[in-house]
PDB file of N, CA and C in Angstrom:
ATOM      1  N   LYS A   1    -109.543 -56.169  68.047  1.00  0.00           N
ATOM      2  CA  LYS A   1    -110.424 -57.501  68.723  1.00  0.00           C
ATOM      3  C   LYS A   1    -109.938 -58.547  68.602  1.00  0.00           C
ATOM      4  N   LEU A   2    -109.377 -58.930  69.971  1.00  0.00           N
ATOM      5  CA  LEU A   2    -109.396 -60.407  70.390  1.00  0.00           C
ATOM      6  C   LEU A   2    -110.393 -61.575  70.806  1.00  0.00           C
ATOM      7  N   VAL A   3    -110.152 -62.594  70.142  1.00  0.00           N
ATOM      8  CA  VAL A   3    -111.121 -63.762  70.451  1.00  0.00           C
ATOM      9  C   VAL A   3    -110.473 -64.716  70.929  1.00  0.00           C
ATOM     10  N   LEU A   4    -110.530 -65.202  72.044  1.00  0.00           N
ATOM     11  CA  LEU A   4    -109.972 -66.478  72.699  1.00  0.00           C
ATOM     12  C   LEU A   4    -111.084 -67.591  72.234  1.00  0.00           C
ATOM     13  N   ILE A   5    -110.449 -68.630  71.700  1.00  0.00           N
ATOM     14  CA  ILE A   5    -111.075 -69.669  71.301  1.00  0.00           C
ATOM     15  C   ILE A   5    -110.843 -71.053  72.200  1.00  0.00           C
ATOM     16  N   ARG A   6    -111.875 -71.342  72.947  1.00  0.00           N
ATOM     17  CA  ARG A   6    -111.437 -72.276  73.796  1.00  0.00           C
ATOM     18  C   ARG A   6    -111.779 -73.937  73.563  1.00  0.00           C
ATOM     19  N   GLU A   7    -111.409 -74.073  72.149  1.00  0.00           N
ATOM     20  CA  GLU A   7    -111.433 -75.239  71.704  1.00  0.00           C
ATOM     21  C   GLU A   7    -109.896 -75.884  71.283  1.00  0.00           C
ATOM     22  N   ASN A   8    -109.364 -77.100  71.438  1.00  0.00           N
ATOM     23  CA  ASN A   8    -108.508 -77.297  71.204  1.00  0.00           C
ATOM     24  C   ASN A   8    -108.282 -78.004  69.509  1.00  0.00           C
ATOM     25  N   LYS A   9    -107.425 -77.274  68.919  1.00  0.00           N
ATOM     26  CA  LYS A   9    -107.294 -77.540  67.329  1.00  0.00           C
ATOM     27  C   LYS A   9    -105.825 -77.289  66.819  1.00  0.00           C
ATOM     28  N   THR A  10    -105.546 -78.351  65.647  1.00  0.00           N
ATOM     29  CA  THR A  10    -104.118 -77.850  65.260  1.00  0.00           C
ATOM     30  C   THR A  10    -103.978 -76.360  65.183  1.00  0.00           C
ATOM     31  N   TRP A  11    -102.844 -76.442  64.693  1.00  0.00           N
ATOM     32  CA  TRP A  11    -102.469 -75.005  64.311  1.00  0.00           C
ATOM     33  C   TRP A  11    -103.225 -74.836  62.775  1.00  0.00           C
ATOM     34  N   THR A  12    -103.404 -75.378  61.830  1.00  0.00           N
ATOM     35  CA  THR A  12    -104.155 -75.406  60.587  1.00  0.00           C
ATOM     36  C   THR A  12    -105.350 -75.194  60.739  1.00  0.00           C
ATOM     37  N   GLU A  13    -106.112 -76.098  61.707  1.00  0.00           N
ATOM     38  CA  GLU A  13    -107.214 -76.187  62.052  1.00  0.00           C
ATOM     39  C   GLU A  13    -108.001 -74.891  62.983  1.00  0.00           C
ATOM     40  N   ALA A  14    -106.600 -74.254  63.944  1.00  0.00           N
ATOM     41  CA  ALA A  14    -107.442 -73.150  64.366  1.00  0.00           C
ATOM     42  C   ALA A  14    -107.382 -72.002  63.270  1.00  0.00           C
ATOM     43  N   LEU A  15    -106.357 -71.647  62.077  1.00  0.00           N
ATOM     44  CA  LEU A  15    -106.038 -70.747  61.360  1.00  0.00           C
ATOM     45  C   LEU A  15    -107.541 -70.583  60.462  1.00  0.00           C
ATOM     46  N   ARG A  16    -108.027 -72.095  60.057  1.00  0.00           N
ATOM     47  CA  ARG A  16    -109.139 -72.173  59.104  1.00  0.00           C
ATOM     48  C   ARG A  16    -110.253 -71.818  60.088  1.00  0.00           C
ATOM     49  N   HIS A  17    -110.409 -71.996  61.702  1.00  0.00           N
ATOM     50  CA  HIS A  17    -111.473 -71.443  62.253  1.00  0.00           C
ATOM     51  C   HIS A  17    -111.640 -69.910  62.027  1.00  0.00           C
ATOM     52  N   CYS A  18    -110.527 -69.147  62.089  1.00  0.00           N
ATOM     53  CA  CYS A  18    -110.224 -68.033  62.421  1.00  0.00           C
ATOM     54  C   CYS A  18    -110.808 -67.378  61.055  1.00  0.00           C
ATOM     55  N   ARG A  19    -110.275 -67.668  60.142  1.00  0.00           N
ATOM     56  CA  ARG A  19    -110.499 -67.013  58.711  1.00  0.00           C
ATOM     57  C   ARG A  19    -111.717 -67.736  57.932  1.00  0.00           C
ATOM     58  N   ASN A  20    -112.422 -68.526  58.803  1.00  0.00           N
ATOM     59  CA  ASN A  20    -113.786 -68.925  58.022  1.00  0.00           C
ATOM     60  C   ASN A  20    -114.993 -68.050  59.071  1.00  0.00           C
ATOM     61  N   ASN A  21    -114.424 -67.291  59.866  1.00  0.00           N
ATOM     62  CA  ASN A  21    -114.946 -66.242  60.789  1.00  0.00           C
ATOM     63  C   ASN A  21    -114.648 -64.841  60.565  1.00  0.00           C
ATOM     64  N   ASP A  22    -114.021 -64.629  59.386  1.00  0.00           N
ATOM     65  CA  ASP A  22    -113.437 -63.306  59.193  1.00  0.00           C
ATOM     66  C   ASP A  22    -112.370 -62.586  59.807  1.00  0.00           C
ATOM     67  N   MET A  23    -111.560 -63.545  60.709  1.00  0.00           N
ATOM     68  CA  MET A  23    -110.513 -63.141  61.559  1.00  0.00           C
ATOM     69  C   MET A  23    -109.322 -63.878  60.728  1.00  0.00           C
ATOM     70  N   ASP A  24    -108.211 -63.624  61.554  1.00  0.00           N
ATOM     71  CA  ASP A  24    -106.830 -64.077  61.387  1.00  0.00           C
ATOM     72  C   ASP A  24    -106.345 -64.856  62.686  1.00  0.00           C
ATOM     73  N   LEU A  25    -105.556 -65.557  62.453  1.00  0.00           N
ATOM     74  CA  LEU A  25    -104.735 -66.041  64.232  1.00  0.00           C
ATOM     75  C   LEU A  25    -104.111 -64.589  64.505  1.00  0.00           C
ATOM     76  N   VAL A  26    -103.877 -64.473  65.705  1.00  0.00           N
ATOM     77  CA  VAL A  26    -103.390 -62.845  66.068  1.00  0.00           C
ATOM     78  C   VAL A  26    -101.909 -62.944  65.935  1.00  0.00           C
ATOM     79  N   SER A  27    -101.384 -61.866  65.499  1.00  0.00           N
ATOM     80  CA  SER A  27     -99.956 -61.324  65.199  1.00  0.00           C
ATOM     81  C   SER A  27     -99.691 -60.472  66.220  1.00  0.00           C
ATOM     82  N   VAL A  28     -98.607 -60.991  66.930  1.00  0.00           N
ATOM     83  CA  VAL A  28     -98.169 -60.031  68.319  1.00  0.00           C
ATOM     84  C   VAL A  28     -97.095 -59.440  67.697  1.00  0.00           C
ATOM     85  N   ASP A  29     -97.598 -58.241  67.138  1.00  0.00           N
ATOM     86  CA  ASP A  29     -96.587 -57.019  66.445  1.00  0.00           C
ATOM     87  C   ASP A  29     -95.933 -56.182  67.552  1.00  0.00           C
ATOM     88  N   SER A  30     -96.133 -55.882  68.732  1.00  0.00           N
ATOM     89  CA  SER A  30     -95.998 -54.925  69.510  1.00  0.00           C
ATOM     90  C   SER A  30     -95.933 -55.545  71.272  1.00  0.00           C
ATOM     91  N   GLU A  31     -95.410 -54.592  71.917  1.00  0.00           N
ATOM     92  CA  GLU A  31     -95.655 -54.943  73.348  1.00  0.00           C
ATOM     93  C   GLU A  31     -97.044 -54.689  74.024  1.00  0.00           C
ATOM     94  N   GLN A  32     -97.805 -54.183  73.409  1.00  0.00           N
ATOM     95  CA  GLN A  32     -99.137 -53.671  73.631  1.00  0.00           C
ATOM     96  C   GLN A  32    -100.065 -54.820  73.362  1.00  0.00           C
ATOM     97  N   MET A  33     -99.621 -55.291  71.909  1.00  0.00           N
ATOM     98  CA  MET A  33    -100.542 -56.289  71.544  1.00  0.00           C
ATOM     99  C   MET A  33    -100.258 -57.915  72.467  1.00  0.00           C
ATOM    100  N   GLN A  34     -98.895 -57.957  72.694  1.00  0.00           N
ATOM    101  CA  GLN A  34     -98.443 -58.979  73.744  1.00  0.00           C
ATOM    102  C   GLN A  34     -99.419 -58.831  75.300  1.00  0.00           C
ATOM    103  N   ARG A  35     -99.011 -57.515  75.732  1.00  0.00           N
ATOM    104  CA  ARG A  35    -100.200 -57.297  77.305  1.00  0.00           C
ATOM    105  C   ARG A  35    -101.760 -57.603  76.687  1.00  0.00           C
ATOM    106  N   TRP A  36    -102.175 -57.444  75.730  1.00  0.00           N
ATOM    107  CA  TRP A  36    -103.571 -57.763  75.529  1.00  0.00           C
ATOM    108  C   TRP A  36    -103.639 -59.205  75.061  1.00  0.00           C
ATOM    109  N   VAL A  37    -102.909 -59.828  74.702  1.00  0.00           N
ATOM    110  CA  VAL A  37    -103.085 -61.336  74.632  1.00  0.00           C
ATOM    111  C   VAL A  37    -102.790 -61.902  76.143  1.00  0.00           C
ATOM    112  N   LYS A  38    -101.950 -61.522  76.896  1.00  0.00           N
ATOM    113  CA  LYS A  38    -101.825 -61.865  78.033  1.00  0.00           C
ATOM    114  C   LYS A  38    -102.826 -61.513  78.981  1.00  0.00           C
ATOM    115  N   MET A  39    -103.620 -60.425  78.851  1.00  0.00           N
ATOM    116  CA  MET A  39    -104.788 -60.194  79.690  1.00  0.00           C
ATOM    117  C   MET A  39    -105.835 -61.333  78.954  1.00  0.00           C
ATOM    118  N   SER A  40    -105.912 -61.813  78.169  1.00  0.00           N
ATOM    119  CA  SER A  40    -107.029 -62.467  77.378  1.00  0.00           C
ATOM    120  C   SER A  40    -106.917 -64.071  77.886  1.00  0.00           C
ATOM    121  N   ILE A  41    -105.408 -64.438  78.148  1.00  0.00           N
ATOM    122  CA  ILE A  41    -105.203 -65.692  78.378  1.00  0.00           C
ATOM    123  C   ILE A  41    -105.601 -65.795  79.956  1.00  0.00           C
ATOM    124  N   MET A  42    -105.423 -64.492  80.782  1.00  0.00           N
ATOM    125  CA  MET A  42    -105.533 -64.629  82.328  1.00  0.00           C
ATOM    126  C   MET A  42    -106.661 -64.678  82.784  1.00  0.00           C
ATOM    127  N   LYS A  43    -107.561 -63.952  81.820  1.00  0.00           N
ATOM    128  CA  LYS A  43    -109.349 -63.919  82.050  1.00  0.00           C
ATOM    129  C   LYS A  43    -110.199 -65.584  82.068  1.00  0.00           C
ATOM    130  N   ALA A  44    -109.127 -66.355  81.254  1.00  0.00           N
ATOM    131  CA  ALA A  44    -109.875 -67.541  80.898  1.00  0.00           C
ATOM    132  C   ALA A  44    -108.936 -68.965  80.990  1.00  0.00           C
ATOM    133  N   ASN A  45    -109.625 -69.996  81.507  1.00  0.00           N
ATOM    134  CA  ASN A  45    -109.190 -71.302  81.774  1.00  0.00           C
ATOM    135  C   ASN A  45    -108.887 -71.898  80.125  1.00  0.00           C
ATOM    136  N   VAL A  46    -107.355 -71.772  80.215  1.00  0.00           N
ATOM    137  CA  VAL A  46    -106.893 -72.183  78.712  1.00  0.00           C
ATOM    138  C   VAL A  46    -105.923 -73.557  78.745  1.00  0.00           C
ATOM    139  N   SER A  47    -105.626 -73.822  77.315  1.00  0.00           N
ATOM    140  CA  SER A  47    -104.559 -74.837  77.749  1.00  0.00           C
ATOM    141  C   SER A  47    -103.266 -74.599  77.956  1.00  0.00           C
ATOM    142  N   ASP A  48    -102.233 -75.080  78.263  1.00  0.00           N
ATOM    143  CA  ASP A  48    -100.711 -75.027  78.702  1.00  0.00           C
ATOM    144  C   ASP A  48    -100.452 -74.232  77.441  1.00  0.00           C
ATOM    145  N   HIS A  49    -100.854 -74.288  76.093  1.00  0.00           N
ATOM    146  CA  HIS A  49     -99.952 -73.049  75.140  1.00  0.00           C
ATOM    147  C   HIS A  49    -101.663 -72.411  74.383  1.00  0.00           C
ATOM    148  N   VAL A  50    -101.615 -71.453  73.790  1.00  0.00           N
ATOM    149  CA  VAL A  50    -102.382 -71.174  72.792  1.00  0.00           C
ATOM    150  C   VAL A  50    -101.436 -70.525  71.504  1.00  0.00           C
ATOM    151  N   TRP A  51    -102.250 -71.240  70.211  1.00  0.00           N
ATOM    152  CA  TRP A  51    -101.578 -70.805  68.965  1.00  0.00           C
ATOM    153  C   TRP A  51    -101.685 -69.487  68.939  1.00  0.00           C
ATOM    154  N   LEU A  52    -100.381 -68.838  68.353  1.00  0.00           N
ATOM    155  CA  LEU A  52    -100.335 -67.547  67.471  1.00  0.00           C
ATOM    156  C   LEU A  52    -100.318 -67.875  66.077  1.00  0.00           C
ATOM    157  N   GLY A  53    -100.637 -66.422  65.100  1.00  0.00           N
ATOM    158  CA  GLY A  53    -100.427 -66.518  63.795  1.00  0.00           C
ATOM    159  C   GLY A  53     -99.034 -66.746  63.671  1.00  0.00           C
ATOM    160  N   LEU A  54     -98.004 -67.207  64.088  1.00  0.00           N
ATOM    161  CA  LEU A  54     -96.407 -67.587  63.962  1.00  0.00           C
ATOM    162  C   LEU A  54     -96.178 -68.698  63.267  1.00  0.00           C
ATOM    163  N   ARG A  55     -95.493 -68.809  62.311  1.00  0.00           N
ATOM    164  CA  ARG A  55     -94.932 -69.960  61.277  1.00  0.00           C
ATOM    165  C   ARG A  55     -93.816 -69.641  61.035  1.00  0.00           C
ATOM    166  N   HIS A  56     -93.249 -71.051  60.956  1.00  0.00           N
ATOM    167  CA  HIS A  56     -91.368 -71.119  60.698  1.00  0.00           C
ATOM    168  C   HIS A  56     -91.422 -71.542  59.043  1.00  0.00           C
ATOM    169  N   SER A  57     -90.858 -71.202  58.333  1.00  0.00           N
ATOM    170  CA  SER A  57     -90.221 -71.392  57.252  1.00  0.00           C
ATOM    171  C   SER A  57     -88.954 -72.051  57.193  1.00  0.00           C
ATOM    172  N   CYS A  58     -88.973 -73.761  56.910  1.00  0.00           N
ATOM    173  CA  CYS A  58     -87.526 -73.889  57.117  1.00  0.00           C
ATOM    174  C   CYS A  58     -86.699 -73.583  55.426  1.00  0.00           C
ATOM    175  N   ILE A  59     -87.327 -73.352  54.605  1.00  0.00           N
ATOM    176  CA  ILE A  59     -86.720 -73.233  53.515  1.00  0.00           C
ATOM    177  C   ILE A  59     -85.704 -71.811  53.474  1.00  0.00           C
ATOM    178  N   LEU A  60     -86.463 -71.009  54.020  1.00  0.00           N
ATOM    179  CA  LEU A  60     -86.238 -69.303  54.288  1.00  0.00           C
ATOM    180  C   LEU A  60     -85.335 -69.210  55.328  1.00  0.00           C
ATOM    181  N   GLY A  61     -85.853 -69.951  56.641  1.00  0.00           N
ATOM    182  CA  GLY A  61     -85.021 -70.099  58.101  1.00  0.00           C
ATOM    183  C   GLY A  61     -85.446 -69.245  58.628  1.00  0.00           C
ATOM    184  N   ILE A  62     -86.888 -68.763  58.691  1.00  0.00           N
ATOM    185  CA  ILE A  62     -87.385 -67.391  59.128  1.00  0.00           C
ATOM    186  C   ILE A  62     -88.646 -67.612  59.758  1.00  0.00           C
ATOM    187  N   TRP A  63     -89.003 -66.878  61.090  1.00  0.00           N
ATOM    188  CA  TRP A  63     -90.536 -67.125  61.651  1.00  0.00           C
ATOM    189  C   TRP A  63     -90.817 -65.745  60.701  1.00  0.00           C
ATOM    190  N   PHE A  64     -92.180 -65.842  60.565  1.00  0.00           N
ATOM    191  CA  PHE A  64     -93.208 -64.611  60.059  1.00  0.00           C
ATOM    192  C   PHE A  64     -94.839 -64.737  60.464  1.00  0.00           C
ATOM    193  N   TRP A  65     -95.517 -64.036  60.225  1.00  0.00           N
ATOM    194  CA  TRP A  65     -96.722 -63.775  60.942  1.00  0.00           C
ATOM    195  C   TRP A  65     -97.778 -64.277  59.691  1.00  0.00           C
ATOM    196  N   VAL A  66     -98.730 -64.715  59.903  1.00  0.00           N
ATOM    197  CA  VAL A  66     -99.652 -65.167  58.828  1.00  0.00           C
ATOM    198  C   VAL A  66    -100.203 -63.955  58.209  1.00  0.00           C
ATOM    199  N   ASN A  67    -100.314 -62.665  58.920  1.00  0.00           N
ATOM    200  CA  ASN A  67    -100.769 -61.470  58.205  1.00  0.00           C
ATOM    201  C   ASN A  67     -99.704 -61.092  57.242  1.00  0.00           C
ATOM    202  N   GLY A  68     -98.666 -62.075  56.809  1.00  0.00           N
ATOM    203  CA  GLY A  68     -97.371 -61.378  55.939  1.00  0.00           C
ATOM    204  C   GLY A  68     -96.357 -60.594  56.798  1.00  0.00           C
ATOM    205  N   GLN A  69     -96.658 -60.031  57.807  1.00  0.00           N
ATOM    206  CA  GLN A  69     -95.498 -59.360  58.536  1.00  0.00           C
ATOM    207  C   GLN A  69     -94.669 -60.141  58.892  1.00  0.00           C
ATOM    208  N   THR A  70     -93.342 -59.531  58.990  1.00  0.00           N
ATOM    209  CA  THR A  70     -92.034 -60.148  59.247  1.00  0.00           C
ATOM    210  C   THR A  70     -91.839 -59.844  61.037  1.00  0.00           C
ATOM    211  N   VAL A  71     -91.284 -60.627  61.652  1.00  0.00           N
ATOM    212  CA  VAL A  71     -91.285 -60.613  63.058  1.00  0.00           C
ATOM    213  C   VAL A  71     -90.206 -59.717  63.406  1.00  0.00           C
ATOM    214  N   CYS A  72     -90.719 -58.701  64.110  1.00  0.00           N
ATOM    215  CA  CYS A  72     -89.793 -57.496  64.803  1.00  0.00           C
ATOM    216  C   CYS A  72     -89.884 -57.585  65.986  1.00  0.00           C
ATOM    217  N   TYR A  73     -91.108 -57.476  66.788  1.00  0.00           N
ATOM    218  CA  TYR A  73     -91.159 -57.279  68.309  1.00  0.00           C
ATOM    219  C   TYR A  73     -91.334 -59.001  68.282  1.00  0.00           C
ATOM    220  N   ASP A  74     -90.565 -59.537  69.465  1.00  0.00           N
ATOM    221  CA  ASP A  74     -90.565 -61.220  69.873  1.00  0.00           C
ATOM    222  C   ASP A  74     -90.748 -60.848  71.495  1.00  0.00           C
ATOM    223  N   GLN A  75     -91.123 -62.132  71.661  1.00  0.00           N
ATOM    224  CA  GLN A  75     -90.952 -62.547  73.047  1.00  0.00           C
ATOM    225  C   GLN A  75     -91.038 -64.022  73.303  1.00  0.00           C
ATOM    226  N   TRP A  76     -89.835 -64.292  72.817  1.00  0.00           N
ATOM    227  CA  TRP A  76     -89.413 -65.728  72.827  1.00  0.00           C
ATOM    228  C   TRP A  76     -89.111 -66.116  74.329  1.00  0.00           C
ATOM    229  N   ALA A  77     -89.301 -67.343  74.660  1.00  0.00           N
ATOM    230  CA  ALA A  77     -88.862 -67.708  76.130  1.00  0.00           C
ATOM    231  C   ALA A  77     -87.423 -67.744  76.090  1.00  0.00           C
ATOM    232  N   PRO A  78     -86.735 -67.248  77.212  1.00  0.00           N
ATOM    233  CA  PRO A  78     -85.255 -67.062  77.226  1.00  0.00           C
ATOM    234  C   PRO A  78     -84.806 -68.760  77.281  1.00  0.00           C
ATOM    235  N   ASP A  79     -85.447 -69.472  77.512  1.00  0.00           N
ATOM    236  CA  ASP A  79     -85.015 -71.058  77.452  1.00  0.00           C
ATOM    237  C   ASP A  79     -84.919 -71.583  76.226  1.00  0.00           C
ATOM    238  N   TYR A  80     -85.473 -70.718  75.205  1.00  0.00           N
ATOM    239  CA  TYR A  80     -85.559 -71.391  73.934  1.00  0.00           C
ATOM    240  C   TYR A  80     -84.882 -71.186  73.015  1.00  0.00           C
ATOM    241  N   ASP A  81     -84.694 -71.893  72.126  1.00  0.00           N
ATOM    242  CA  ASP A  81     -83.748 -71.467  71.152  1.00  0.00           C
ATOM    243  C   ASP A  81     -84.362 -71.638  69.980  1.00  0.00           C
ATOM    244  N   LYS A  82     -84.771 -70.625  69.112  1.00  0.00           N
ATOM    245  CA  LYS A  82     -85.613 -70.880  68.024  1.00  0.00           C
ATOM    246  C   LYS A  82     -85.040 -71.255  66.859  1.00  0.00           C
ATOM    247  N   ASP A  83     -83.769 -70.901  66.715  1.00  0.00           N
ATOM    248  CA  ASP A  83     -83.097 -71.146  65.776  1.00  0.00           C
ATOM    249  C   ASP A  83     -82.570 -72.805  65.506  1.00  0.00           C
ATOM    250  N   LEU A  84     -83.052 -73.124  66.656  1.00  0.00           N
ATOM    251  CA  LEU A  84     -82.657 -75.228  66.748  1.00  0.00           C
ATOM    252  C   LEU A  84     -83.902 -75.735  66.082  1.00  0.00           C
ATOM    253  N   ASP A  85     -84.815 -74.906  65.513  1.00  0.00           N
ATOM    254  CA  ASP A  85     -86.056 -75.973  64.969  1.00  0.00           C
ATOM    255  C   ASP A  85     -85.717 -77.103  63.955  1.00  0.00           C
ATOM    256  N   GLU A  86     -86.106 -78.130  64.444  1.00  0.00           N
ATOM    257  CA  GLU A  86     -86.061 -79.294  63.235  1.00  0.00           C
ATOM    258  C   GLU A  86     -86.891 -79.103  62.072  1.00  0.00           C
ATOM    259  N   CYS A  87     -86.228 -79.269  60.913  1.00  0.00           N
ATOM    260  CA  CYS A  87     -87.129 -78.761  59.579  1.00  0.00           C
ATOM    261  C   CYS A  87     -87.121 -80.363  58.891  1.00  0.00           C
ATOM    262  N   ASP A  88     -86.904 -81.435  59.688  1.00  0.00           N
ATOM    263  CA  ASP A  88     -87.179 -82.518  58.867  1.00  0.00           C
ATOM    264  C   ASP A  88     -88.146 -83.322  59.050  1.00  0.00           C
ATOM    265  N   THR A  89     -89.002 -83.365  60.075  1.00  0.00           N
ATOM    266  CA  THR A  89     -90.023 -84.369  60.324  1.00  0.00           C
ATOM    267  C   THR A  89     -91.622 -83.578  60.473  1.00  0.00           C
ATOM    268  N   THR A  90     -91.629 -82.054  60.870  1.00  0.00           N
ATOM    269  CA  THR A  90     -92.601 -81.616  61.169  1.00  0.00           C
ATOM    270  C   THR A  90     -92.634 -79.875  60.979  1.00  0.00           C
ATOM    271  N   VAL A  91     -94.072 -79.368  60.410  1.00  0.00           N
ATOM    272  CA  VAL A  91     -93.781 -78.037  60.244  1.00  0.00           C
ATOM    273  C   VAL A  91     -94.152 -77.380  61.894  1.00  0.00           C
ATOM    274  N   ARG A  92     -93.235 -76.109  61.947  1.00  0.00           N
ATOM    275  CA  ARG A  92     -93.302 -75.828  63.672  1.00  0.00           C
ATOM    276  C   ARG A  92     -94.531 -74.369  63.422  1.00  0.00           C
ATOM    277  N   SER A  93     -94.968 -73.965  64.672  1.00  0.00           N
ATOM    278  CA  SER A  93     -95.584 -72.924  64.533  1.00  0.00           C
ATOM    279  C   SER A  93     -95.636 -72.283  66.003  1.00  0.00           C
ATOM    280  N   GLY A  94     -95.651 -71.255  66.043  1.00  0.00           N
ATOM    281  CA  GLY A  94     -95.930 -70.645  67.396  1.00  0.00           C
ATOM    282  C   GLY A  94     -96.919 -70.364  68.306  1.00  0.00           C
ATOM    283  N   ALA A  95     -96.481 -70.578  69.681  1.00  0.00           N
ATOM    284  CA  ALA A  95     -97.522 -70.363  70.550  1.00  0.00           C
ATOM    285  C   ALA A  95     -97.128 -70.098  71.859  1.00  0.00           C
ATOM    286  N   ILE A  96     -98.145 -69.164  72.537  1.00  0.00           N
ATOM    287  CA  ILE A  96     -97.820 -68.902  73.979  1.00  0.00           C
ATOM    288  C   ILE A  96     -98.143 -69.704  74.819  1.00  0.00           C
ATOM    289  N   ARG A  97     -97.012 -69.878  75.521  1.00  0.00           N
ATOM    290  CA  ARG A  97     -96.843 -70.824  76.940  1.00  0.00           C
ATOM    291  C   ARG A  97     -97.532 -70.172  78.155  1.00  0.00           C
ATOM    292  N   THR A  98     -98.261 -70.517  78.389  1.00  0.00           N
ATOM    293  CA  THR A  98     -99.627 -69.843  79.230  1.00  0.00           C
ATOM    294  C   THR A  98     -98.812 -69.285  80.355  1.00  0.00           C
ATOM    295  N   ARG A  99     -98.017 -70.256  81.234  1.00  0.00           N
ATOM    296  CA  ARG A  99     -97.413 -70.262  82.513  1.00  0.00           C
ATOM    297  C   ARG A  99     -96.733 -68.957  82.633  1.00  0.00           C
ATOM    298  N   ASP A 100     -95.911 -68.432  81.466  1.00  0.00           N
ATOM    299  CA  ASP A 100     -95.084 -67.376  81.799  1.00  0.00           C
ATOM    300  C   ASP A 100     -95.160 -66.429  80.535  1.00  0.00           C
ATOM    301  N   ASN A 101     -96.159 -66.446  79.727  1.00  0.00           N
ATOM    302  CA  ASN A 101     -96.624 -65.789  78.046  1.00  0.00           C
ATOM    303  C   ASN A 101     -95.104 -65.590  77.607  1.00  0.00           C
ATOM    304  N   GLN A 102     -94.498 -66.653  77.241  1.00  0.00           N
ATOM    305  CA  GLN A 102     -93.223 -66.393  76.553  1.00  0.00           C
ATOM    306  C   GLN A 102     -93.704 -67.205  75.117  1.00  0.00           C
ATOM    307  N   TRP A 103     -93.305 -67.147  74.019  1.00  0.00           N
ATOM    308  CA  TRP A 103     -93.199 -67.669  72.777  1.00  0.00           C
ATOM    309  C   TRP A 103     -92.563 -69.234  72.923  1.00  0.00           C
ATOM    310  N   ILE A 104     -93.044 -70.024  72.220  1.00  0.00           N
ATOM    311  CA  ILE A 104     -92.088 -71.100  72.069  1.00  0.00           C
ATOM    312  C   ILE A 104     -92.544 -72.001  70.810  1.00  0.00           C
ATOM    313  N   SER A 105     -91.794 -72.887  70.095  1.00  0.00           N
ATOM    314  CA  SER A 105     -92.291 -73.295  68.860  1.00  0.00           C
ATOM    315  C   SER A 105     -92.808 -74.741  69.206  1.00  0.00           C
ATOM    316  N   ARG A 106     -94.217 -75.047  68.530  1.00  0.00           N
ATOM    317  CA  ARG A 106     -94.384 -76.492  68.827  1.00  0.00           C
ATOM    318  C   ARG A 106     -95.160 -77.141  67.165  1.00  0.00           C
ATOM    319  N   PRO A 107     -95.053 -78.263  67.516  1.00  0.00           N
ATOM    320  CA  PRO A 107     -95.265 -79.011  66.385  1.00  0.00           C
ATOM    321  C   PRO A 107     -96.860 -78.461  65.821  1.00  0.00           C
ATOM    322  N   GLU A 108     -97.191 -78.129  64.414  1.00  0.00           N
ATOM    323  CA  GLU A 108     -98.319 -77.699  64.090  1.00  0.00           C
ATOM    324  C   GLU A 108     -99.670 -78.544  64.568  1.00  0.00           C
ATOM    325  N   THR A 109     -99.205 -79.866  64.611  1.00  0.00           N
ATOM    326  CA  THR A 109    -100.224 -80.894  64.955  1.00  0.00           C
ATOM    327  C   THR A 109    -100.568 -81.199  66.155  1.00  0.00           C
ATOM    328  N   ASP A 110     -99.827 -80.289  67.210  1.00  0.00           N
ATOM    329  CA  ASP A 110    -100.491 -80.479  69.012  1.00  0.00           C
ATOM    330  C   ASP A 110    -101.576 -79.743  68.597  1.00  0.00           C
ATOM    331  N   ARG A 111    -102.552 -79.823  69.613  1.00  0.00           N
ATOM    332  CA  ARG A 111    -104.098 -79.098  70.027  1.00  0.00           C
ATOM    333  C   ARG A 111    -104.115 -78.257  71.165  1.00  0.00           C
ATOM    334  N   TYR A 112    -104.132 -76.991  70.504  1.00  0.00           N
ATOM    335  CA  TYR A 112    -104.428 -75.951  71.733  1.00  0.00           C
ATOM    336  C   TYR A 112    -105.528 -75.071  71.243  1.00  0.00           C
ATOM    337  N   ASN A 113    -105.755 -74.267  72.364  1.00  0.00           N
ATOM    338  CA  ASN A 113    -106.578 -72.992  72.052  1.00  0.00           C
ATOM    339  C   ASN A 113    -105.925 -72.375  71.317  1.00  0.00           C
ATOM    340  N   PHE A 114    -106.965 -71.217  71.154  1.00  0.00           N
ATOM    341  CA  PHE A 114    -105.955 -70.011  70.376  1.00  0.00           C
ATOM    342  C   PHE A 114    -106.744 -68.721  70.304  1.00  0.00           C
ATOM    343  N   ILE A 115    -105.832 -67.731  69.373  1.00  0.00           N
ATOM    344  CA  ILE A 115    -106.628 -66.447  69.520  1.00  0.00           C
ATOM    345  C   ILE A 115    -106.857 -66.047  68.167  1.00  0.00           C
ATOM    346  N   CYS A 116    -107.881 -65.536  67.935  1.00  0.00           N
ATOM    347  CA  CYS A 116    -108.140 -64.655  66.475  1.00  0.00           C
ATOM    348  C   CYS A 116    -108.380 -63.552  66.792  1.00  0.00           C
ATOM    349  N   SER A 117    -107.992 -62.661  65.555  1.00  0.00           N
ATOM    350  CA  SER A 117    -107.751 -61.260  65.974  1.00  0.00           C
ATOM    351  C   SER A 117    -108.955 -60.556  64.546  1.00  0.00           C
ATOM    352  N   LYS A 118    -109.084 -59.568  64.783  1.00  0.00           N
ATOM    353  CA  LYS A 118    -110.014 -58.881  63.959  1.00  0.00           C
ATOM    354  C   LYS A 118    -109.607 -57.447  63.502  1.00  0.00           C
TER     355      LYS A 118
END
């Protein structure tokens, strides 16, 4: 079950909101889940980006889902190089760009709508 929250929160605030309601930020681990996320976004008037449960580890140099899964399926924007993320200033988290439903990296302090899953 996906729940789109139309409140602008930082990535950490969004994660806390989901977990306080016995959910988690959504992990998009398949094309089917990507379609469900896309449909949820299309049905609502949302921010330019929507937070996913996707986090970057500078130490390990990998992206991972907050539910512990590694990223096997992905939908990174073709014009975005996820391997060039800067690790010196801010933690990066994954968001879906609503105009084309592609994933991009954003500073976790940005404020966007988000999707929780149960």
